[in-house]
N, C-alpha and C. Protein backbone atom coordinates (compact mmCIF):
# COMPACT_ATOMS: atom_id res chain seq x y z
N MET A 1 198.32 113.93 75.19
CA MET A 1 198.55 114.17 76.59
C MET A 1 197.22 114.56 77.23
N GLU A 2 196.93 113.96 78.33
CA GLU A 2 195.66 114.21 79.00
C GLU A 2 195.92 114.83 80.36
N PHE A 3 195.19 115.88 80.65
CA PHE A 3 195.31 116.56 81.94
C PHE A 3 194.03 116.33 82.72
N ALA A 4 194.16 116.15 83.99
CA ALA A 4 192.98 116.00 84.84
C ALA A 4 193.16 116.91 86.05
N ALA A 5 192.13 117.65 86.34
CA ALA A 5 192.20 118.55 87.49
C ALA A 5 190.96 118.35 88.33
N VAL A 6 191.16 118.14 89.59
CA VAL A 6 190.04 117.95 90.51
C VAL A 6 190.35 118.77 91.76
N ARG A 7 189.36 119.52 92.20
CA ARG A 7 189.53 120.29 93.42
C ARG A 7 188.32 120.06 94.30
N VAL A 8 188.56 119.73 95.53
CA VAL A 8 187.46 119.47 96.46
C VAL A 8 187.54 120.49 97.59
N ILE A 9 186.42 121.15 97.84
CA ILE A 9 186.33 122.12 98.92
C ILE A 9 185.37 121.56 99.96
N THR A 10 185.83 121.43 101.19
CA THR A 10 184.99 120.89 102.25
C THR A 10 184.73 121.97 103.29
N ILE A 11 183.47 122.27 103.52
CA ILE A 11 183.07 123.23 104.55
C ILE A 11 182.05 122.52 105.42
N GLY A 12 182.45 122.18 106.64
CA GLY A 12 181.57 121.43 107.52
C GLY A 12 181.25 120.07 106.91
N ASN A 13 179.98 119.76 106.76
CA ASN A 13 179.56 118.50 106.17
C ASN A 13 179.23 118.63 104.69
N ILE A 14 179.43 119.83 104.13
CA ILE A 14 179.09 120.06 102.73
C ILE A 14 180.36 119.92 101.88
N THR A 15 180.29 119.10 100.87
CA THR A 15 181.42 118.93 99.96
C THR A 15 180.99 119.37 98.57
N HIS A 16 181.73 120.31 98.03
CA HIS A 16 181.48 120.79 96.67
C HIS A 16 182.66 120.37 95.81
N GLU A 17 182.38 119.87 94.66
CA GLU A 17 183.44 119.48 93.74
C GLU A 17 183.44 120.39 92.54
N ILE A 18 184.59 120.91 92.23
CA ILE A 18 184.79 121.62 90.97
C ILE A 18 185.59 120.65 90.12
N TRP A 19 184.98 120.06 89.13
CA TRP A 19 185.61 118.95 88.42
C TRP A 19 185.85 119.32 86.96
N LEU A 20 186.94 118.82 86.48
CA LEU A 20 187.27 118.99 85.08
C LEU A 20 187.65 117.68 84.42
N LYS A 21 187.73 116.60 85.17
CA LYS A 21 188.28 115.38 84.59
C LYS A 21 187.35 114.71 83.59
N ASP A 22 186.06 114.98 83.63
CA ASP A 22 185.14 114.37 82.68
C ASP A 22 184.94 115.21 81.43
N MET A 23 185.61 116.34 81.34
CA MET A 23 185.44 117.21 80.18
C MET A 23 186.37 116.76 79.06
N PRO A 24 185.95 116.96 77.82
CA PRO A 24 186.69 116.38 76.70
C PRO A 24 188.08 116.97 76.45
N ASN A 25 188.27 118.27 76.61
CA ASN A 25 189.54 118.88 76.25
C ASN A 25 189.77 120.09 77.15
N ILE A 26 190.55 119.93 78.20
CA ILE A 26 190.75 121.04 79.13
C ILE A 26 192.02 121.82 78.82
N ARG A 27 192.53 121.68 77.63
CA ARG A 27 193.76 122.38 77.25
C ARG A 27 193.63 123.89 77.36
N ARG A 28 192.49 124.45 76.98
CA ARG A 28 192.31 125.91 77.07
C ARG A 28 192.38 126.38 78.52
N ILE A 29 191.80 125.61 79.43
CA ILE A 29 191.85 125.98 80.84
C ILE A 29 193.27 125.82 81.37
N TYR A 30 193.96 124.80 80.94
CA TYR A 30 195.35 124.59 81.33
C TYR A 30 196.23 125.75 80.84
N ILE A 31 196.01 126.21 79.62
CA ILE A 31 196.75 127.35 79.08
C ILE A 31 196.46 128.61 79.89
N LEU A 32 195.20 128.81 80.25
CA LEU A 32 194.83 129.96 81.07
C LEU A 32 195.55 129.91 82.43
N LEU A 33 195.60 128.75 83.05
CA LEU A 33 196.31 128.61 84.32
C LEU A 33 197.81 128.89 84.17
N ASN A 34 198.41 128.42 83.09
CA ASN A 34 199.82 128.71 82.84
C ASN A 34 200.05 130.19 82.60
N ASP A 35 199.13 130.84 81.89
CA ASP A 35 199.25 132.28 81.65
C ASP A 35 199.19 133.06 82.96
N ILE A 36 198.31 132.65 83.86
CA ILE A 36 198.22 133.30 85.17
C ILE A 36 199.54 133.14 85.93
N TYR A 37 200.10 131.96 85.88
CA TYR A 37 201.37 131.70 86.55
C TYR A 37 202.50 132.56 85.96
N ILE A 38 202.53 132.69 84.64
CA ILE A 38 203.60 133.44 83.97
C ILE A 38 203.49 134.93 84.27
N VAL A 39 202.27 135.50 84.16
CA VAL A 39 202.15 136.94 84.42
C VAL A 39 202.42 137.26 85.89
N ARG A 40 202.14 136.34 86.79
CA ARG A 40 202.49 136.56 88.20
C ARG A 40 204.00 136.57 88.37
N ALA A 41 204.71 135.70 87.66
CA ALA A 41 206.16 135.66 87.74
C ALA A 41 206.79 136.95 87.21
N PHE A 42 206.15 137.57 86.20
CA PHE A 42 206.65 138.83 85.64
C PHE A 42 206.06 140.06 86.34
N ARG A 43 205.31 139.83 87.40
CA ARG A 43 204.72 140.89 88.22
C ARG A 43 203.80 141.82 87.43
N GLN A 44 203.06 141.24 86.52
CA GLN A 44 202.04 141.98 85.76
C GLN A 44 200.70 141.77 86.45
N TYR A 45 200.52 142.45 87.56
CA TYR A 45 199.40 142.15 88.45
C TYR A 45 198.04 142.52 87.87
N ARG A 46 197.97 143.57 87.08
CA ARG A 46 196.67 143.93 86.46
C ARG A 46 196.24 142.86 85.46
N LEU A 47 197.19 142.39 84.67
CA LEU A 47 196.88 141.32 83.71
C LEU A 47 196.53 140.03 84.45
N GLU A 48 197.24 139.76 85.54
CA GLU A 48 196.92 138.58 86.34
C GLU A 48 195.50 138.67 86.89
N GLU A 49 195.11 139.86 87.34
CA GLU A 49 193.76 140.04 87.87
C GLU A 49 192.71 139.79 86.79
N ASP A 50 192.96 140.27 85.57
CA ASP A 50 192.03 140.04 84.46
C ASP A 50 191.92 138.56 84.12
N LEU A 51 193.06 137.88 84.04
CA LEU A 51 193.04 136.45 83.72
C LEU A 51 192.39 135.64 84.83
N PHE A 52 192.65 136.03 86.08
CA PHE A 52 192.05 135.32 87.20
C PHE A 52 190.54 135.53 87.22
N ALA A 53 190.09 136.74 86.88
CA ALA A 53 188.65 137.01 86.80
C ALA A 53 188.02 136.15 85.72
N LYS A 54 188.72 135.98 84.61
CA LYS A 54 188.23 135.11 83.54
C LYS A 54 188.11 133.66 84.02
N LEU A 55 189.10 133.21 84.78
CA LEU A 55 189.07 131.85 85.33
C LEU A 55 187.91 131.68 86.31
N ILE A 56 187.71 132.65 87.19
CA ILE A 56 186.61 132.57 88.16
C ILE A 56 185.27 132.56 87.43
N PHE A 57 185.12 133.42 86.43
CA PHE A 57 183.89 133.46 85.64
C PHE A 57 183.63 132.11 84.98
N LEU A 58 184.69 131.52 84.47
CA LEU A 58 184.59 130.22 83.81
C LEU A 58 184.21 129.12 84.80
N MET A 59 184.80 129.13 85.99
CA MET A 59 184.55 128.06 86.95
C MET A 59 183.20 128.20 87.66
N ARG A 60 182.62 129.38 87.67
CA ARG A 60 181.31 129.55 88.30
C ARG A 60 180.19 128.97 87.46
N SER A 61 180.41 128.89 86.17
CA SER A 61 179.38 128.38 85.27
C SER A 61 179.84 127.05 84.68
N ARG A 62 179.23 125.97 85.10
CA ARG A 62 179.60 124.66 84.55
C ARG A 62 179.23 124.56 83.08
N GLU A 63 178.14 125.23 82.68
CA GLU A 63 177.75 125.19 81.27
C GLU A 63 178.81 125.83 80.40
N LEU A 64 179.34 126.98 80.83
CA LEU A 64 180.39 127.64 80.07
C LEU A 64 181.67 126.81 80.08
N ALA A 65 181.99 126.19 81.22
CA ALA A 65 183.18 125.34 81.29
C ALA A 65 183.08 124.17 80.32
N ILE A 66 181.90 123.60 80.19
CA ILE A 66 181.70 122.51 79.24
C ILE A 66 181.84 123.01 77.82
N LYS A 67 181.29 124.20 77.53
CA LYS A 67 181.42 124.76 76.18
C LYS A 67 182.87 125.04 75.83
N VAL A 68 183.63 125.55 76.79
CA VAL A 68 185.03 125.89 76.54
C VAL A 68 185.87 124.65 76.32
N THR A 69 185.53 123.55 76.97
CA THR A 69 186.35 122.35 76.85
C THR A 69 185.95 121.46 75.68
N ARG A 70 185.00 121.88 74.90
CA ARG A 70 184.68 121.09 73.70
C ARG A 70 185.83 121.16 72.72
N GLU A 71 185.84 120.22 71.81
CA GLU A 71 186.91 120.16 70.82
C GLU A 71 186.92 121.40 69.95
N TYR A 72 188.11 121.79 69.48
CA TYR A 72 188.27 122.96 68.63
C TYR A 72 187.47 122.78 67.34
N GLY A 73 186.75 123.81 66.95
CA GLY A 73 185.96 123.75 65.73
C GLY A 73 184.53 123.35 65.95
N ASN A 74 184.14 122.99 67.16
CA ASN A 74 182.76 122.64 67.47
C ASN A 74 181.91 123.89 67.32
N ILE A 75 180.77 123.78 66.64
CA ILE A 75 179.95 124.96 66.35
C ILE A 75 179.30 125.55 67.59
N TYR A 76 179.30 124.85 68.70
CA TYR A 76 178.67 125.35 69.92
C TYR A 76 179.63 126.08 70.85
N ASN A 77 180.89 126.23 70.46
CA ASN A 77 181.86 126.92 71.31
C ASN A 77 181.63 128.42 71.28
N PRO A 78 181.75 129.08 72.42
CA PRO A 78 181.65 130.55 72.42
C PRO A 78 182.89 131.16 71.78
N GLU A 79 182.72 132.17 70.94
CA GLU A 79 183.82 132.74 70.18
C GLU A 79 184.82 133.50 71.05
N PHE A 80 184.38 134.12 72.13
CA PHE A 80 185.28 134.96 72.91
C PHE A 80 186.29 134.16 73.73
N ILE A 81 186.18 132.86 73.78
CA ILE A 81 187.10 132.04 74.56
C ILE A 81 188.27 131.53 73.71
N TYR A 82 188.12 131.50 72.39
CA TYR A 82 189.18 130.96 71.54
C TYR A 82 190.50 131.68 71.74
N ILE A 83 191.56 130.92 71.83
CA ILE A 83 192.91 131.46 71.82
C ILE A 83 193.51 130.95 70.52
N LYS A 84 193.55 131.80 69.52
CA LYS A 84 193.93 131.39 68.17
C LYS A 84 195.35 130.83 68.12
N ASN A 85 195.51 129.75 67.39
CA ASN A 85 196.79 129.11 67.07
C ASN A 85 197.58 128.61 68.27
N ARG A 86 197.05 128.72 69.47
CA ARG A 86 197.78 128.25 70.63
C ARG A 86 197.29 126.92 71.14
N ASP A 87 196.03 126.62 70.93
CA ASP A 87 195.48 125.40 71.52
C ASP A 87 195.34 124.27 70.52
N ARG A 88 196.03 124.33 69.46
CA ARG A 88 196.01 123.24 68.49
C ARG A 88 197.20 122.36 68.64
């Protein structure tokens, strides 16, 4: 199953793209988005804030977003992003 997410922000004549469709495996980001949705439904607002901060941190750095979307087991992945046994 392949997920593609594209968001375009237009301010005046400036267009910025936050793109994920060219990344190899965006499952971890998709899981993070689902987790944010679930904790909001259960009204766990502090946890939602932490997860949302993680998402913002991830989306501000394209280099980190590329590292996170690499295939599981790649030696260049940052260790703190792994969600064990969930993204396989």
